[in-house]
Amino acid sequence: MNAPLDVLENIPFDSLEVPKGYEMIDGKLVEQQMGAKSAWVSGDLHARLQAFSRQNHLGWAFPQDTAYRCFGKKKTVRKPDVSFIRPGRLPNEELPEGDLLIAPDLAVEVVSPNDTVYELDEKVEEYLAAGVRLVWVINPLTRVAIVHRADGTMAKVREDQELSGEAVVPGFRCRLGDVLPPVPTTST
C-alpha cells in the first residue's frame, strides 16, 4: 500500500490492504507494535495449536498478522496474535487469498508493552460481538491469562494451570507456563 494515510478514506474498504504490523480501527490504520517477549509467546502458542489441530484434523490455526474483516459495517480489520477456525466454516474448506471474512472461533491476544487495558478490552468486546467463541488474553509480565467466553463468563489461568480449548478446540490443553518465557534466574 503506497497511498498516504489521509487518502485511505477515498479507497473502498473492501479493497483496502492493511499493511503488516497494522490493524484498521474505524477506518484508521493503527500500528500494532509487538515486543520480542510477546512475539515469542504467540509464536510458541501458534506452533502448539497448529500441531495439535493438524494431528487431530480440528481446523486451521493462524499466526499473527492474519487479518479478519468480520466486524459488520465497521471499517475494522483485526489481527489476533493467534487464531483458530474449526472445520466446516470456510467455503469448500479453502483458505482465501486475502483476508478472512468470518470471525475466528478462538482469538488470542498477547499483551505487548504498548497495549492499554482500554485497547485490549475493546478488542475482546469486538471479537465476542463478531461471534468469536473463545478469547484468551495472555500477559507474559504477570504470567496470567484471562479467558473470555461467548456466554460472557471469564476465568483467570495462572502459569501453573492449563489453557483449555474447551468445546472450541476439543482436547487442546497447554500449561500456561509452558508458552511463557522462562523466569530469569538471578546469579549471586
Protein backbone atom coordinates (compact mmCIF):
# COMPACT_ATOMS: atom_id res chain seq x y z
CA MET A 1 0.00 0.00 0.00
CA ASN A 2 1.63 3.22 -1.15
CA ALA A 3 -1.18 5.70 -0.58
CA PRO A 4 -0.70 8.33 2.13
CA LEU A 5 -2.82 7.65 5.20
CA ASP A 6 -5.10 10.67 4.56
CA VAL A 7 -6.04 9.25 1.13
CA LEU A 8 -7.33 5.99 2.64
CA GLU A 9 -10.81 7.41 3.16
CA ASN A 10 -11.23 7.59 -0.65
CA ILE A 11 -10.42 3.88 -1.17
CA PRO A 12 -13.30 1.39 -0.82
CA PHE A 13 -12.91 -0.56 2.43
CA ASP A 14 -13.21 -3.98 0.74
CA SER A 15 -10.20 -3.26 -1.47
CA LEU A 16 -8.05 -1.60 1.18
CA GLU A 17 -4.96 -3.60 2.14
CA VAL A 18 -3.92 -3.35 5.78
CA PRO A 19 -0.10 -3.48 5.93
CA LYS A 20 1.85 -5.88 8.10
CA GLY A 21 2.10 -4.64 11.67
CA TYR A 22 -1.12 -2.59 11.45
CA GLU A 23 -4.80 -3.06 12.21
CA MET A 24 -7.62 -0.88 10.98
CA ILE A 25 -9.96 0.51 13.60
CA ASP A 26 -12.97 2.50 12.44
CA GLY A 27 -11.25 3.23 9.11
CA LYS A 28 -7.93 4.37 10.59
CA LEU A 29 -4.67 2.45 10.43
CA VAL A 30 -3.22 1.79 13.88
CA GLU A 31 0.29 0.41 14.31
CA GLN A 32 0.43 -2.72 16.46
CA GLN A 33 3.89 -3.00 17.94
CA MET A 34 4.73 -6.36 19.46
CA GLY A 35 7.69 -6.80 21.75
CA ALA A 36 10.06 -9.74 21.46
CA LYS A 37 8.62 -11.46 24.54
CA SER A 38 5.05 -11.18 23.26
CA ALA A 39 6.05 -12.37 19.79
CA TRP A 40 7.84 -15.37 21.29
CA VAL A 41 4.74 -16.32 23.33
CA SER A 42 2.41 -16.03 20.35
CA GLY A 43 4.79 -17.98 18.12
CA ASP A 44 5.14 -20.80 20.63
CA LEU A 45 1.39 -21.00 21.24
CA HIS A 46 0.66 -20.94 17.50
CA ALA A 47 3.11 -23.81 16.91
CA ARG A 48 1.45 -25.91 19.61
CA LEU A 49 -2.08 -25.13 18.43
CA GLN A 50 -1.21 -25.76 14.80
CA ALA A 51 0.47 -29.11 15.54
CA PHE A 52 -2.49 -30.23 17.68
CA SER A 53 -5.15 -29.12 15.19
CA ARG A 54 -3.33 -30.77 12.26
CA GLN A 55 -2.75 -34.02 14.12
CA ASN A 56 -6.40 -34.19 15.17
CA HIS A 57 -7.93 -32.68 11.99
CA LEU A 58 -9.62 -29.97 14.04
CA GLY A 59 -9.25 -26.96 11.79
CA TRP A 60 -6.95 -24.11 10.92
CA ALA A 61 -4.51 -22.34 13.28
CA PHE A 62 -3.24 -18.94 12.15
CA PRO A 63 -0.23 -16.88 13.29
CA GLN A 64 -0.11 -13.15 14.00
CA ASP A 65 -0.84 -10.76 11.13
CA THR A 66 -3.71 -12.91 9.80
CA ALA A 67 -6.38 -10.33 9.02
CA TYR A 68 -10.08 -10.65 9.87
CA ARG A 69 -12.79 -8.45 8.35
CA CYS A 70 -15.74 -9.76 10.30
CA PHE A 71 -17.00 -6.78 12.26
CA GLY A 72 -20.21 -5.93 10.45
CA LYS A 73 -20.43 -2.48 8.96
CA LYS A 74 -17.46 -1.21 10.98
CA LYS A 75 -14.38 -0.42 8.93
CA THR A 76 -12.29 -2.61 11.19
CA VAL A 77 -9.65 -5.23 10.46
CA ARG A 78 -8.21 -7.07 13.43
CA LYS A 79 -5.14 -9.30 13.50
CA PRO A 80 -5.11 -11.53 16.59
CA ASP A 81 -1.74 -12.82 17.73
CA VAL A 82 -3.01 -16.39 17.28
CA SER A 83 -6.36 -17.56 15.94
CA PHE A 84 -8.20 -20.75 15.07
CA ILE A 85 -11.11 -21.66 12.77
CA ARG A 86 -12.84 -25.02 13.08
CA PRO A 87 -13.66 -27.17 10.03
CA GLY A 88 -16.81 -26.51 8.05
CA ARG A 89 -16.69 -22.74 8.30
CA LEU A 90 -14.56 -21.90 5.26
CA PRO A 91 -16.25 -22.29 1.87
CA ASN A 92 -15.06 -25.62 0.39
CA GLU A 93 -12.51 -25.76 3.23
CA GLU A 94 -10.29 -23.45 1.18
CA LEU A 95 -8.22 -20.62 2.56
CA PRO A 96 -8.93 -17.29 0.86
CA GLU A 97 -6.18 -15.42 -0.96
CA GLY A 98 -6.85 -12.30 1.10
CA ASP A 99 -8.35 -11.52 4.47
CA LEU A 100 -10.72 -13.83 6.32
CA LEU A 101 -14.32 -12.60 6.24
CA ILE A 102 -15.54 -14.78 9.10
CA ALA A 103 -14.74 -14.50 12.79
CA PRO A 104 -12.27 -16.99 14.21
CA ASP A 105 -13.56 -19.48 16.77
CA LEU A 106 -10.58 -18.69 19.03
CA ALA A 107 -8.69 -15.40 19.15
CA VAL A 108 -5.58 -14.90 21.27
CA GLU A 109 -4.09 -11.56 22.24
CA VAL A 110 -0.69 -11.50 23.93
CA VAL A 111 -0.16 -8.30 25.91
CA SER A 112 2.62 -6.17 24.45
CA PRO A 113 4.44 -3.28 26.15
CA ASN A 114 2.40 -0.64 24.28
CA ASP A 115 -1.04 -2.22 24.82
CA THR A 116 -3.50 -0.42 27.07
CA VAL A 117 -6.26 -2.04 29.09
CA TYR A 118 -8.77 0.04 27.12
CA GLU A 119 -7.48 -1.28 23.77
CA LEU A 120 -7.45 -4.89 24.94
CA ASP A 121 -10.97 -4.62 26.38
CA GLU A 122 -12.18 -3.10 23.12
CA LYS A 123 -10.62 -5.94 21.10
CA VAL A 124 -12.17 -8.60 23.32
CA GLU A 125 -15.61 -6.99 23.06
CA GLU A 126 -15.32 -6.68 19.27
CA TYR A 127 -14.24 -10.31 18.95
CA LEU A 128 -17.14 -11.55 21.07
CA ALA A 129 -19.67 -9.35 19.24
CA ALA A 130 -18.39 -10.72 15.90
CA GLY A 131 -19.02 -14.30 17.05
CA VAL A 132 -15.66 -15.42 18.43
CA ARG A 133 -16.44 -18.20 20.88
CA LEU A 134 -13.27 -18.07 23.00
CA VAL A 135 -10.74 -15.27 23.58
CA TRP A 136 -7.51 -15.66 25.54
CA VAL A 137 -5.63 -12.56 26.70
CA ILE A 138 -2.17 -13.65 27.83
CA ASN A 139 0.03 -11.34 29.87
CA PRO A 140 3.67 -12.52 29.83
CA LEU A 141 4.64 -10.00 32.52
CA THR A 142 2.10 -11.10 35.14
CA ARG A 143 2.19 -14.69 33.82
CA VAL A 144 -1.62 -14.85 33.77
CA ALA A 145 -4.21 -15.39 31.04
CA ILE A 146 -7.80 -14.19 31.11
CA VAL A 147 -10.25 -16.45 29.27
CA HIS A 148 -13.35 -14.76 27.81
CA ARG A 149 -16.22 -16.93 26.58
CA ALA A 150 -19.10 -16.13 24.23
CA ASP A 151 -21.59 -16.64 27.08
CA GLY A 152 -19.97 -13.76 29.00
CA THR A 153 -18.16 -15.87 31.58
CA MET A 154 -14.49 -15.34 32.31
CA ALA A 155 -11.73 -17.26 34.04
CA LYS A 156 -8.21 -16.49 35.18
CA VAL A 157 -5.48 -19.01 34.32
CA ARG A 158 -2.21 -18.81 36.22
CA GLU A 159 1.11 -20.10 34.87
CA ASP A 160 0.83 -23.43 36.72
CA GLN A 161 -2.68 -24.02 35.29
CA GLU A 162 -3.79 -25.11 31.84
CA LEU A 163 -5.30 -23.18 28.99
CA SER A 164 -8.06 -25.31 27.53
CA GLY A 165 -9.54 -25.23 24.05
CA GLU A 166 -12.83 -26.19 25.73
CA ALA A 167 -15.50 -27.03 23.11
CA VAL A 168 -13.84 -24.71 20.57
CA VAL A 169 -10.63 -26.74 20.13
CA PRO A 170 -11.64 -30.03 21.78
CA GLY A 171 -8.81 -31.75 23.61
CA PHE A 172 -6.31 -28.93 23.34
CA ARG A 173 -4.65 -28.27 26.69
CA CYS A 174 -1.48 -26.40 27.43
CA ARG A 175 0.04 -25.36 30.72
CA LEU A 176 0.29 -21.58 30.52
CA GLY A 177 3.82 -21.59 31.94
CA ASP A 178 4.95 -23.77 29.04
CA VAL A 179 4.29 -20.98 26.50
CA LEU A 180 5.79 -18.23 28.63
CA PRO A 181 9.50 -17.37 28.54
CA PRO A 182 11.48 -18.83 31.44
CA VAL A 183 11.71 -16.65 34.52
CA PRO A 184 15.22 -15.17 34.61
CA THR A 185 17.36 -16.51 37.41
CA THR A 186 19.48 -14.10 39.36
CA SER A 187 23.07 -15.07 39.96
CA THR A 188 24.63 -14.39 43.34
